[in-house]
PDB file of all heavy atoms in Angstrom:
ATOM      1  N   ARG A   1      16.111  -4.386 -10.577  1.00  0.00           N
ATOM      2  CA  ARG A   1      16.959  -3.315 -11.293  1.00  0.00           C
ATOM      3  C   ARG A   1      16.106  -2.373 -12.177  1.00  0.00           C
ATOM      4  O   ARG A   1      16.321  -1.245 -12.127  1.00  0.00           O
ATOM      5  CB  ARG A   1      17.878  -4.181 -12.305  1.00  0.00           C
ATOM      6  CG  ARG A   1      18.728  -3.298 -13.171  1.00  0.00           C
ATOM      7  CD  ARG A   1      19.667  -4.037 -14.013  1.00  0.00           C
ATOM      8  NE  ARG A   1      18.949  -5.155 -14.828  1.00  0.00           N
ATOM      9  CZ  ARG A   1      18.441  -4.942 -16.031  1.00  0.00           C
ATOM     10  NH1 ARG A   1      18.315  -3.574 -16.434  1.00  0.00           N
ATOM     11  NH2 ARG A   1      17.806  -5.840 -16.594  1.00  0.00           N
ATOM     12  N   ARG A   2      15.045  -3.010 -12.794  1.00  0.00           N
ATOM     13  CA  ARG A   2      14.183  -2.090 -13.580  1.00  0.00           C
ATOM     14  C   ARG A   2      13.506  -1.014 -12.604  1.00  0.00           C
ATOM     15  O   ARG A   2      13.267   0.137 -13.178  1.00  0.00           O
ATOM     16  CB  ARG A   2      13.281  -2.918 -14.400  1.00  0.00           C
ATOM     17  CG  ARG A   2      14.015  -3.729 -15.500  1.00  0.00           C
ATOM     18  CD  ARG A   2      13.091  -4.357 -16.532  1.00  0.00           C
ATOM     19  NE  ARG A   2      13.718  -5.038 -17.451  1.00  0.00           N
ATOM     20  CZ  ARG A   2      13.273  -5.552 -18.716  1.00  0.00           C
ATOM     21  NH1 ARG A   2      12.024  -5.361 -18.830  1.00  0.00           N
ATOM     22  NH2 ARG A   2      13.925  -6.129 -19.506  1.00  0.00           N
ATOM     23  N   PHE A   3      12.999  -1.381 -11.535  1.00  0.00           N
ATOM     24  CA  PHE A   3      12.310  -0.505 -10.733  1.00  0.00           C
ATOM     25  C   PHE A   3      13.240   0.533 -10.211  1.00  0.00           C
ATOM     26  O   PHE A   3      12.937   1.782 -10.128  1.00  0.00           O
ATOM     27  CB  PHE A   3      11.685  -1.235  -9.468  1.00  0.00           C
ATOM     28  CG  PHE A   3      10.186  -1.531  -9.755  1.00  0.00           C
ATOM     29  CD1 PHE A   3       9.896  -2.634 -10.645  1.00  0.00           C
ATOM     30  CD2 PHE A   3       9.287  -0.918  -9.165  1.00  0.00           C
ATOM     31  CE1 PHE A   3       8.571  -2.973 -10.851  1.00  0.00           C
ATOM     32  CE2 PHE A   3       7.874  -1.087  -9.399  1.00  0.00           C
ATOM     33  CZ  PHE A   3       7.536  -2.123 -10.260  1.00  0.00           C
ATOM     34  N   LEU A   4      14.475   0.190  -9.762  1.00  0.00           N
ATOM     35  CA  LEU A   4      15.342   1.250  -9.268  1.00  0.00           C
ATOM     36  C   LEU A   4      15.720   2.152 -10.433  1.00  0.00           C
ATOM     37  O   LEU A   4      15.918   3.453 -10.325  1.00  0.00           O
ATOM     38  CB  LEU A   4      16.647   0.519  -8.757  1.00  0.00           C
ATOM     39  CG  LEU A   4      16.441  -0.121  -7.488  1.00  0.00           C
ATOM     40  CD1 LEU A   4      17.745  -1.072  -7.017  1.00  0.00           C
ATOM     41  CD2 LEU A   4      16.130   0.899  -6.308  1.00  0.00           C
ATOM     42  N   GLU A   5      15.870   1.691 -11.691  1.00  0.00           N
ATOM     43  CA  GLU A   5      16.273   2.485 -12.869  1.00  0.00           C
ATOM     44  C   GLU A   5      15.101   3.493 -13.186  1.00  0.00           C
ATOM     45  O   GLU A   5      15.378   4.588 -13.541  1.00  0.00           O
ATOM     46  CB  GLU A   5      16.610   1.536 -14.009  1.00  0.00           C
ATOM     47  CG  GLU A   5      17.043   2.288 -15.275  1.00  0.00           C
ATOM     48  CD  GLU A   5      17.368   1.414 -16.359  1.00  0.00           C
ATOM     49  OE1 GLU A   5      17.367   0.070 -16.137  1.00  0.00           O
ATOM     50  OE2 GLU A   5      17.567   1.950 -17.535  1.00  0.00           O
ATOM     51  N   HIS A   6      13.877   2.828 -13.194  1.00  0.00           N
ATOM     52  CA  HIS A   6      12.781   3.689 -13.780  1.00  0.00           C
ATOM     53  C   HIS A   6      11.871   4.390 -12.719  1.00  0.00           C
ATOM     54  O   HIS A   6      11.191   5.405 -13.164  1.00  0.00           O
ATOM     55  CB  HIS A   6      11.875   2.788 -14.576  1.00  0.00           C
ATOM     56  CG  HIS A   6      12.602   2.135 -15.777  1.00  0.00           C
ATOM     57  ND1 HIS A   6      13.499   2.852 -16.681  1.00  0.00           N
ATOM     58  CD2 HIS A   6      12.588   0.931 -16.327  1.00  0.00           C
ATOM     59  CE1 HIS A   6      13.913   2.039 -17.533  1.00  0.00           C
ATOM     60  NE2 HIS A   6      13.387   0.912 -17.428  1.00  0.00           N
ATOM     61  N   MET A   7      11.823   3.915 -11.516  1.00  0.00           N
ATOM     62  CA  MET A   7      11.086   4.510 -10.491  1.00  0.00           C
ATOM     63  C   MET A   7      11.838   5.085  -9.319  1.00  0.00           C
ATOM     64  O   MET A   7      11.393   6.045  -8.633  1.00  0.00           O
ATOM     65  CB  MET A   7      10.003   3.492  -9.980  1.00  0.00           C
ATOM     66  CG  MET A   7       8.894   4.255  -9.123  1.00  0.00           C
ATOM     67  SD  MET A   7       7.695   2.959  -8.569  1.00  0.00           S
ATOM     68  CE  MET A   7       6.836   2.557 -10.018  1.00  0.00           C
ATOM     69  N   GLY A   8      13.030   4.528  -9.162  1.00  0.00           N
ATOM     70  CA  GLY A   8      13.846   4.990  -8.094  1.00  0.00           C
ATOM     71  C   GLY A   8      13.763   4.312  -6.745  1.00  0.00           C
ATOM     72  O   GLY A   8      14.391   4.649  -5.760  1.00  0.00           O
ATOM     73  N   ILE A   9      12.864   3.370  -6.597  1.00  0.00           N
ATOM     74  CA  ILE A   9      12.659   2.527  -5.388  1.00  0.00           C
ATOM     75  C   ILE A   9      12.509   1.092  -5.760  1.00  0.00           C
ATOM     76  O   ILE A   9      12.152   0.827  -6.947  1.00  0.00           O
ATOM     77  CB  ILE A   9      11.339   3.070  -4.506  1.00  0.00           C
ATOM     78  CG1 ILE A   9      10.155   2.825  -5.294  1.00  0.00           C
ATOM     79  CG2 ILE A   9      11.565   4.454  -4.044  1.00  0.00           C
ATOM     80  CD1 ILE A   9       8.866   3.209  -4.525  1.00  0.00           C
ATOM     81  N   THR A  10      12.689   0.141  -4.797  1.00  0.00           N
ATOM     82  CA  THR A  10      12.488  -1.200  -5.096  1.00  0.00           C
ATOM     83  C   THR A  10      11.020  -1.589  -5.218  1.00  0.00           C
ATOM     84  O   THR A  10      10.099  -0.873  -4.679  1.00  0.00           O
ATOM     85  CB  THR A  10      13.113  -2.155  -4.017  1.00  0.00           C
ATOM     86  OG1 THR A  10      12.255  -1.799  -2.791  1.00  0.00           O
ATOM     87  CG2 THR A  10      14.588  -1.730  -3.632  1.00  0.00           C
ATOM     88  N   PRO A  11      10.768  -2.662  -5.987  1.00  0.00           N
ATOM     89  CA  PRO A  11       9.326  -3.158  -6.026  1.00  0.00           C
ATOM     90  C   PRO A  11       8.650  -3.476  -4.630  1.00  0.00           C
ATOM     91  O   PRO A  11       7.630  -3.151  -4.594  1.00  0.00           O
ATOM     92  CB  PRO A  11       9.392  -4.431  -6.941  1.00  0.00           C
ATOM     93  CG  PRO A  11      10.876  -4.808  -6.771  1.00  0.00           C
ATOM     94  CD  PRO A  11      11.577  -3.616  -6.679  1.00  0.00           C
ATOM     95  N   LYS A  12       9.591  -3.984  -3.653  1.00  0.00           N
ATOM     96  CA  LYS A  12       8.999  -4.275  -2.456  1.00  0.00           C
ATOM     97  C   LYS A  12       8.623  -3.043  -1.626  1.00  0.00           C
ATOM     98  O   LYS A  12       7.485  -2.973  -1.082  1.00  0.00           O
ATOM     99  CB  LYS A  12      10.091  -4.911  -1.533  1.00  0.00           C
ATOM    100  CG  LYS A  12       9.648  -5.502  -0.205  1.00  0.00           C
ATOM    101  CD  LYS A  12      10.809  -6.095   0.479  1.00  0.00           C
ATOM    102  CE  LYS A  12      10.200  -6.521   1.824  1.00  0.00           C
ATOM    103  NZ  LYS A  12      11.290  -7.339   2.697  1.00  0.00           N
ATOM    104  N   LYS A  13       9.384  -1.945  -1.880  1.00  0.00           N
ATOM    105  CA  LYS A  13       9.075  -0.706  -1.287  1.00  0.00           C
ATOM    106  C   LYS A  13       7.811  -0.164  -1.940  1.00  0.00           C
ATOM    107  O   LYS A  13       6.862   0.485  -1.237  1.00  0.00           O
ATOM    108  CB  LYS A  13      10.218   0.267  -1.350  1.00  0.00           C
ATOM    109  CG  LYS A  13       9.983   1.510  -0.422  1.00  0.00           C
ATOM    110  CD  LYS A  13      11.387   2.248  -0.354  1.00  0.00           C
ATOM    111  CE  LYS A  13      11.311   3.404   0.562  1.00  0.00           C
ATOM    112  NZ  LYS A  13      12.627   4.122   0.795  1.00  0.00           N
ATOM    113  N   TYR A  14       7.720  -0.231  -3.264  1.00  0.00           N
ATOM    114  CA  TYR A  14       6.471   0.241  -3.941  1.00  0.00           C
ATOM    115  C   TYR A  14       5.345  -0.479  -3.487  1.00  0.00           C
ATOM    116  O   TYR A  14       4.229   0.163  -3.259  1.00  0.00           O
ATOM    117  CB  TYR A  14       6.787   0.254  -5.381  1.00  0.00           C
ATOM    118  CG  TYR A  14       5.687   0.909  -6.249  1.00  0.00           C
ATOM    119  CD1 TYR A  14       5.384   2.222  -6.032  1.00  0.00           C
ATOM    120  CD2 TYR A  14       4.925   0.215  -7.187  1.00  0.00           C
ATOM    121  CE1 TYR A  14       4.404   2.878  -6.758  1.00  0.00           C
ATOM    122  CE2 TYR A  14       3.907   0.883  -7.844  1.00  0.00           C
ATOM    123  CZ  TYR A  14       3.689   2.292  -7.700  1.00  0.00           C
ATOM    124  OH  TYR A  14       2.667   2.780  -8.318  1.00  0.00           O
ATOM    125  N   SER A  15       5.346  -1.780  -3.419  1.00  0.00           N
ATOM    126  CA  SER A  15       4.239  -2.508  -2.972  1.00  0.00           C
ATOM    127  C   SER A  15       3.750  -2.172  -1.639  1.00  0.00           C
ATOM    128  O   SER A  15       2.538  -1.989  -1.347  1.00  0.00           O
ATOM    129  CB  SER A  15       4.613  -4.048  -2.954  1.00  0.00           C
ATOM    130  OG  SER A  15       4.948  -4.437  -4.266  1.00  0.00           O
ATOM    131  N   ARG A  16       4.683  -1.931  -0.729  1.00  0.00           N
ATOM    132  CA  ARG A  16       4.347  -1.442   0.682  1.00  0.00           C
ATOM    133  C   ARG A  16       3.621  -0.029   0.471  1.00  0.00           C
ATOM    134  O   ARG A  16       2.648   0.172   1.305  1.00  0.00           O
ATOM    135  CB  ARG A  16       5.532  -1.427   1.544  1.00  0.00           C
ATOM    136  CG  ARG A  16       5.272  -1.004   2.967  1.00  0.00           C
ATOM    137  CD  ARG A  16       6.645  -0.750   3.714  1.00  0.00           C
ATOM    138  NE  ARG A  16       6.384  -0.241   5.086  1.00  0.00           N
ATOM    139  CZ  ARG A  16       7.211   0.345   5.807  1.00  0.00           C
ATOM    140  NH1 ARG A  16       8.411   0.837   5.349  1.00  0.00           N
ATOM    141  NH2 ARG A  16       6.861   0.657   7.056  1.00  0.00           N
ATOM    142  N   LEU A  17       4.068   0.751  -0.288  1.00  0.00           N
ATOM    143  CA  LEU A  17       3.485   2.146  -0.370  1.00  0.00           C
ATOM    144  C   LEU A  17       2.115   1.896  -0.908  1.00  0.00           C
ATOM    145  O   LEU A  17       1.270   2.611  -0.335  1.00  0.00           O
ATOM    146  CB  LEU A  17       4.432   2.940  -1.294  1.00  0.00           C
ATOM    147  CG  LEU A  17       4.319   4.390  -1.249  1.00  0.00           C
ATOM    148  CD1 LEU A  17       4.659   4.944   0.128  1.00  0.00           C
ATOM    149  CD2 LEU A  17       5.171   5.051  -2.334  1.00  0.00           C
ATOM    150  N   ILE A  18       1.864   1.157  -1.878  1.00  0.00           N
ATOM    151  CA  ILE A  18       0.599   0.990  -2.426  1.00  0.00           C
ATOM    152  C   ILE A  18      -0.382   0.331  -1.363  1.00  0.00           C
ATOM    153  O   ILE A  18      -1.434   0.879  -1.379  1.00  0.00           O
ATOM    154  CB  ILE A  18       0.716   0.090  -3.749  1.00  0.00           C
ATOM    155  CG1 ILE A  18       1.414   0.812  -4.804  1.00  0.00           C
ATOM    156  CG2 ILE A  18      -0.719  -0.348  -4.262  1.00  0.00           C
ATOM    157  CD1 ILE A  18       0.777   1.976  -5.360  1.00  0.00           C
ATOM    158  N   ARG A  19       0.151  -0.525  -0.772  1.00  0.00           N
ATOM    159  CA  ARG A  19      -0.873  -1.184   0.356  1.00  0.00           C
ATOM    160  C   ARG A  19      -1.243  -0.121   1.430  1.00  0.00           C
ATOM    161  O   ARG A  19      -2.358  -0.122   1.762  1.00  0.00           O
ATOM    162  CB  ARG A  19      -0.072  -2.343   0.987  1.00  0.00           C
ATOM    163  CG  ARG A  19      -0.966  -3.107   1.849  1.00  0.00           C
ATOM    164  CD  ARG A  19      -0.573  -4.570   2.116  1.00  0.00           C
ATOM    165  NE  ARG A  19       0.777  -4.685   2.843  1.00  0.00           N
ATOM    166  CZ  ARG A  19       1.150  -5.816   3.572  1.00  0.00           C
ATOM    167  NH1 ARG A  19       0.326  -6.781   3.630  1.00  0.00           N
ATOM    168  NH2 ARG A  19       2.284  -5.767   4.159  1.00  0.00           N
ATOM    169  N   VAL A  20      -0.336   0.624   1.846  1.00  0.00           N
ATOM    170  CA  VAL A  20      -0.525   1.602   2.760  1.00  0.00           C
ATOM    171  C   VAL A  20      -1.628   2.693   2.271  1.00  0.00           C
ATOM    172  O   VAL A  20      -2.525   2.994   2.966  1.00  0.00           O
ATOM    173  CB  VAL A  20       0.693   2.240   3.315  1.00  0.00           C
ATOM    174  CG1 VAL A  20       0.240   3.539   4.194  1.00  0.00           C
ATOM    175  CG2 VAL A  20       1.487   1.321   4.281  1.00  0.00           C
ATOM    176  N   ILE A  21      -1.281   3.163   1.082  1.00  0.00           N
ATOM    177  CA  ILE A  21      -2.092   4.060   0.520  1.00  0.00           C
ATOM    178  C   ILE A  21      -3.660   3.624   0.284  1.00  0.00           C
ATOM    179  O   ILE A  21      -4.583   4.333   0.399  1.00  0.00           O
ATOM    180  CB  ILE A  21      -1.538   4.619  -0.844  1.00  0.00           C
ATOM    181  CG1 ILE A  21      -0.197   5.470  -0.527  1.00  0.00           C
ATOM    182  CG2 ILE A  21      -2.569   5.544  -1.574  1.00  0.00           C
ATOM    183  CD1 ILE A  21       0.450   5.774  -1.930  1.00  0.00           C
ATOM    184  N   HIS A  22      -3.746   2.389  -0.176  1.00  0.00           N
ATOM    185  CA  HIS A  22      -5.024   1.718  -0.276  1.00  0.00           C
ATOM    186  C   HIS A  22      -5.718   1.636   0.952  1.00  0.00           C
ATOM    187  O   HIS A  22      -6.890   2.042   1.237  1.00  0.00           O
ATOM    188  CB  HIS A  22      -4.792   0.255  -0.869  1.00  0.00           C
ATOM    189  CG  HIS A  22      -6.174  -0.573  -0.829  1.00  0.00           C
ATOM    190  ND1 HIS A  22      -7.152  -0.230  -1.772  1.00  0.00           N
ATOM    191  CD2 HIS A  22      -6.469  -1.599  -0.115  1.00  0.00           C
ATOM    192  CE1 HIS A  22      -8.117  -1.094  -1.559  1.00  0.00           C
ATOM    193  NE2 HIS A  22      -7.740  -1.881  -0.561  1.00  0.00           N
ATOM    194  N   CYS A  23      -5.064   1.364   2.077  1.00  0.00           N
ATOM    195  CA  CYS A  23      -5.724   1.379   3.463  1.00  0.00           C
ATOM    196  C   CYS A  23      -6.172   2.772   3.822  1.00  0.00           C
ATOM    197  O   CYS A  23      -7.263   2.880   4.347  1.00  0.00           O
ATOM    198  CB  CYS A  23      -4.693   0.777   4.442  1.00  0.00           C
ATOM    199  SG  CYS A  23      -4.363  -0.988   4.294  1.00  0.00           S
ATOM    200  N   LEU A  24      -5.403   3.704   3.617  1.00  0.00           N
ATOM    201  CA  LEU A  24      -5.744   5.076   3.849  1.00  0.00           C
ATOM    202  C   LEU A  24      -7.019   5.542   3.099  1.00  0.00           C
ATOM    203  O   LEU A  24      -7.870   6.140   3.638  1.00  0.00           O
ATOM    204  CB  LEU A  24      -4.594   6.047   3.544  1.00  0.00           C
ATOM    205  CG  LEU A  24      -3.241   5.914   4.348  1.00  0.00           C
ATOM    206  CD1 LEU A  24      -2.346   6.896   4.055  1.00  0.00           C
ATOM    207  CD2 LEU A  24      -3.495   5.914   5.897  1.00  0.00           C
ATOM    208  N   ARG A  25      -7.141   5.150   1.910  1.00  0.00           N
ATOM    209  CA  ARG A  25      -8.239   5.478   1.062  1.00  0.00           C
ATOM    210  C   ARG A  25      -9.528   4.746   1.550  1.00  0.00           C
ATOM    211  O   ARG A  25     -10.634   5.284   1.569  1.00  0.00           O
ATOM    212  CB  ARG A  25      -7.921   5.227  -0.369  1.00  0.00           C
ATOM    213  CG  ARG A  25      -7.063   6.113  -0.967  1.00  0.00           C
ATOM    214  CD  ARG A  25      -6.724   6.015  -2.416  1.00  0.00           C
ATOM    215  NE  ARG A  25      -6.013   7.016  -2.977  1.00  0.00           N
ATOM    216  CZ  ARG A  25      -5.044   6.837  -3.979  1.00  0.00           C
ATOM    217  NH1 ARG A  25      -4.934   5.711  -4.607  1.00  0.00           N
ATOM    218  NH2 ARG A  25      -4.330   7.852  -4.519  1.00  0.00           N
ATOM    219  N   GLN A  26      -9.314   3.476   1.975  1.00  0.00           N
ATOM    220  CA  GLN A  26     -10.415   2.722   2.463  1.00  0.00           C
ATOM    221  C   GLN A  26     -10.930   3.173   3.837  1.00  0.00           C
ATOM    222  O   GLN A  26     -12.094   2.958   4.178  1.00  0.00           O
ATOM    223  CB  GLN A  26     -10.023   1.238   2.516  1.00  0.00           C
ATOM    224  CG  GLN A  26      -9.770   0.600   1.244  1.00  0.00           C
ATOM    225  CD  GLN A  26     -11.014   0.531   0.396  1.00  0.00           C
ATOM    226  OE1 GLN A  26     -12.058   0.062   0.808  1.00  0.00           O
ATOM    227  NE2 GLN A  26     -10.899   0.969  -0.786  1.00  0.00           N
ATOM    228  N   SER A  27     -10.100   3.839   4.599  1.00  0.00           N
ATOM    229  CA  SER A  27     -10.292   4.198   6.080  1.00  0.00           C
ATOM    230  C   SER A  27     -11.432   5.223   6.118  1.00  0.00           C
ATOM    231  O   SER A  27     -12.251   5.283   7.017  1.00  0.00           O
ATOM    232  CB  SER A  27      -9.182   4.760   6.728  1.00  0.00           C
ATOM    233  OG  SER A  27      -8.749   5.979   6.174  1.00  0.00           O
ATOM    234  N   LYS A  28     -11.610   5.978   4.969  1.00  0.00           N
ATOM    235  CA  LYS A  28     -12.799   6.928   4.950  1.00  0.00           C
ATOM    236  C   LYS A  28     -14.216   6.227   4.831  1.00  0.00           C
ATOM    237  O   LYS A  28     -15.208   6.851   5.148  1.00  0.00           O
ATOM    238  CB  LYS A  28     -12.626   7.978   3.799  1.00  0.00           C
ATOM    239  CG  LYS A  28     -12.865   7.329   2.503  1.00  0.00           C
ATOM    240  CD  LYS A  28     -12.718   8.437   1.364  1.00  0.00           C
ATOM    241  CE  LYS A  28     -12.812   7.927  -0.094  1.00  0.00           C
ATOM    242  NZ  LYS A  28     -12.532   8.926  -1.002  1.00  0.00           N
ATOM    243  N   ARG A  29     -14.216   4.999   4.580  1.00  0.00           N
ATOM    244  CA  ARG A  29     -15.432   4.243   4.550  1.00  0.00           C
ATOM    245  C   ARG A  29     -15.817   3.713   5.865  1.00  0.00           C
ATOM    246  O   ARG A  29     -16.726   2.977   6.065  1.00  0.00           O
ATOM    247  CB  ARG A  29     -15.296   3.089   3.567  1.00  0.00           C
ATOM    248  CG  ARG A  29     -15.048   3.528   2.015  1.00  0.00           C
ATOM    249  CD  ARG A  29     -15.006   2.352   1.150  1.00  0.00           C
ATOM    250  NE  ARG A  29     -14.766   2.876  -0.146  1.00  0.00           N
ATOM    251  CZ  ARG A  29     -14.711   2.006  -1.210  1.00  0.00           C
ATOM    252  NH1 ARG A  29     -14.838   0.770  -1.098  1.00  0.00           N
ATOM    253  NH2 ARG A  29     -14.394   2.534  -2.383  1.00  0.00           N
ATOM    254  N   LYS A  30     -15.009   4.121   6.896  1.00  0.00           N
ATOM    255  CA  LYS A  30     -15.420   3.907   8.397  1.00  0.00           C
ATOM    256  C   LYS A  30     -15.305   2.379   8.583  1.00  0.00           C
ATOM    257  O   LYS A  30     -15.973   1.816   9.547  1.00  0.00           O
ATOM    258  CB  LYS A  30     -16.786   4.255   8.683  1.00  0.00           C
ATOM    259  CG  LYS A  30     -17.098   5.792   8.292  1.00  0.00           C
ATOM    260  CD  LYS A  30     -16.138   6.752   9.025  1.00  0.00           C
ATOM    261  CE  LYS A  30     -16.575   8.171   8.683  1.00  0.00           C
ATOM    262  NZ  LYS A  30     -15.645   9.151   9.272  1.00  0.00           N
ATOM    263  N   LYS A  31     -14.460   1.642   7.929  1.00  0.00           N
ATOM    264  CA  LYS A  31     -14.247   0.270   8.214  1.00  0.00           C
ATOM    265  C   LYS A  31     -13.397   0.066   9.531  1.00  0.00           C
ATOM    266  O   LYS A  31     -12.577   0.924   9.864  1.00  0.00           O
ATOM    267  CB  LYS A  31     -13.467  -0.450   7.001  1.00  0.00           C
ATOM    268  CG  LYS A  31     -14.219  -0.504   5.811  1.00  0.00           C
ATOM    269  CD  LYS A  31     -13.423  -1.425   4.748  1.00  0.00           C
ATOM    270  CE  LYS A  31     -14.283  -1.626   3.464  1.00  0.00           C
ATOM    271  NZ  LYS A  31     -13.609  -2.392   2.487  1.00  0.00           N
ATOM    272  N   GLN A  32     -13.643  -1.009  10.190  1.00  0.00           N
ATOM    273  CA  GLN A  32     -12.957  -1.350  11.458  1.00  0.00           C
ATOM    274  C   GLN A  32     -11.505  -1.608  11.006  1.00  0.00           C
ATOM    275  O   GLN A  32     -11.211  -2.175   9.935  1.00  0.00           O
ATOM    276  CB  GLN A  32     -13.570  -2.567  12.016  1.00  0.00           C
ATOM    277  CG  GLN A  32     -14.930  -2.338  12.687  1.00  0.00           C
ATOM    278  CD  GLN A  32     -14.911  -1.360  13.855  1.00  0.00           C
ATOM    279  OE1 GLN A  32     -14.010  -1.252  14.637  1.00  0.00           O
ATOM    280  NE2 GLN A  32     -15.882  -0.511  13.825  1.00  0.00           N
ATOM    281  N   LEU A  33     -10.509  -1.244  11.953  1.00  0.00           N
ATOM    282  CA  LEU A  33      -9.040  -1.569  11.701  1.00  0.00           C
ATOM    283  C   LEU A  33      -8.787  -3.040  11.448  1.00  0.00           C
ATOM    284  O   LEU A  33      -8.011  -3.414  10.607  1.00  0.00           O
ATOM    285  CB  LEU A  33      -8.346  -1.078  12.858  1.00  0.00           C
ATOM    286  CG  LEU A  33      -8.246   0.491  13.079  1.00  0.00           C
ATOM    287  CD1 LEU A  33      -7.203   0.824  14.100  1.00  0.00           C
ATOM    288  CD2 LEU A  33      -7.852   1.195  11.771  1.00  0.00           C
ATOM    289  N   THR A  34      -9.477  -3.837  12.205  1.00  0.00           N
ATOM    290  CA  THR A  34      -9.389  -5.321  12.023  1.00  0.00           C
ATOM    291  C   THR A  34      -9.646  -5.779  10.628  1.00  0.00           C
ATOM    292  O   THR A  34      -8.990  -6.592  10.035  1.00  0.00           O
ATOM    293  CB  THR A  34     -10.195  -6.142  13.140  1.00  0.00           C
ATOM    294  OG1 THR A  34      -9.781  -5.632  14.376  1.00  0.00           O
ATOM    295  CG2 THR A  34      -9.924  -7.582  13.011  1.00  0.00           C
ATOM    296  N   GLN A  35     -10.727  -5.228  10.160  1.00  0.00           N
ATOM    297  CA  GLN A  35     -11.158  -5.527   8.765  1.00  0.00           C
ATOM    298  C   GLN A  35     -10.222  -5.144   7.747  1.00  0.00           C
ATOM    299  O   GLN A  35      -9.876  -5.843   6.757  1.00  0.00           O
ATOM    300  CB  GLN A  35     -12.595  -5.029   8.528  1.00  0.00           C
ATOM    301  CG  GLN A  35     -13.215  -5.374   7.156  1.00  0.00           C
ATOM    302  CD  GLN A  35     -14.514  -4.719   6.908  1.00  0.00           C
ATOM    303  OE1 GLN A  35     -15.140  -3.916   7.724  1.00  0.00           O
ATOM    304  NE2 GLN A  35     -15.078  -4.936   5.618  1.00  0.00           N
ATOM    305  N   LEU A  36      -9.774  -3.819   7.889  1.00  0.00           N
ATOM    306  CA  LEU A  36      -8.726  -3.321   6.945  1.00  0.00           C
ATOM    307  C   LEU A  36      -7.443  -4.082   6.859  1.00  0.00           C
ATOM    308  O   LEU A  36      -6.892  -4.400   5.871  1.00  0.00           O
ATOM    309  CB  LEU A  36      -8.519  -1.854   7.303  1.00  0.00           C
ATOM    310  CG  LEU A  36      -9.392  -0.807   6.771  1.00  0.00           C
ATOM    311  CD1 LEU A  36      -9.027   0.620   7.280  1.00  0.00           C
ATOM    312  CD2 LEU A  36      -9.398  -0.709   5.296  1.00  0.00           C
ATOM    313  N   ALA A  37      -7.045  -4.424   8.172  1.00  0.00           N
ATOM    314  CA  ALA A  37      -5.784  -5.244   8.181  1.00  0.00           C
ATOM    315  C   ALA A  37      -5.913  -6.619   7.446  1.00  0.00           C
ATOM    316  O   ALA A  37      -5.113  -7.172   6.797  1.00  0.00           O
ATOM    317  CB  ALA A  37      -5.407  -5.495   9.705  1.00  0.00           C
ATOM    318  N   TYR A  38      -7.114  -7.245   7.751  1.00  0.00           N
ATOM    319  CA  TYR A  38      -7.353  -8.562   7.164  1.00  0.00           C
ATOM    320  C   TYR A  38      -7.464  -8.491   5.569  1.00  0.00           C
ATOM    321  O   TYR A  38      -6.854  -9.201   4.781  1.00  0.00           O
ATOM    322  CB  TYR A  38      -8.718  -9.112   7.624  1.00  0.00           C
ATOM    323  CG  TYR A  38      -9.149 -10.421   6.951  1.00  0.00           C
ATOM    324  CD1 TYR A  38      -8.566 -11.466   7.294  1.00  0.00           C
ATOM    325  CD2 TYR A  38     -10.252 -10.361   6.031  1.00  0.00           C
ATOM    326  CE1 TYR A  38      -8.996 -12.756   6.605  1.00  0.00           C
ATOM    327  CE2 TYR A  38     -10.580 -11.501   5.333  1.00  0.00           C
ATOM    328  CZ  TYR A  38     -10.121 -12.689   5.689  1.00  0.00           C
ATOM    329  OH  TYR A  38     -10.412 -13.829   5.033  1.00  0.00           O
ATOM    330  N   GLU A  39      -8.155  -7.439   5.095  1.00  0.00           N
ATOM    331  CA  GLU A  39      -8.370  -7.296   3.693  1.00  0.00           C
ATOM    332  C   GLU A  39      -6.957  -6.955   2.990  1.00  0.00           C
ATOM    333  O   GLU A  39      -6.846  -7.199   1.824  1.00  0.00           O
ATOM    334  CB  GLU A  39      -9.402  -6.204   3.388  1.00  0.00           C
ATOM    335  CG  GLU A  39     -10.828  -6.492   3.734  1.00  0.00           C
ATOM    336  CD  GLU A  39     -11.757  -5.447   3.473  1.00  0.00           C
ATOM    337  OE1 GLU A  39     -11.282  -4.308   3.210  1.00  0.00           O
ATOM    338  OE2 GLU A  39     -12.947  -5.525   3.685  1.00  0.00           O
ATOM    339  N   SER A  40      -6.171  -6.238   3.639  1.00  0.00           N
ATOM    340  CA  SER A  40      -4.866  -5.833   3.070  1.00  0.00           C
ATOM    341  C   SER A  40      -3.820  -6.929   3.369  1.00  0.00           C
ATOM    342  O   SER A  40      -2.567  -6.644   3.160  1.00  0.00           O
ATOM    343  CB  SER A  40      -4.365  -4.470   3.758  1.00  0.00           C
ATOM    344  OG  SER A  40      -5.441  -3.568   3.450  1.00  0.00           O
TER     345      SER A  40
END
């Protein structure tokens, strides 16, 4: 309820978004996809 009220999305959706954005930022370090998937 608080996430929908104050951010407009669910905490699950926000968590997914944060995880994807973290992976995108890590990808510039030339890590293997398998390693990125494991770390995330």
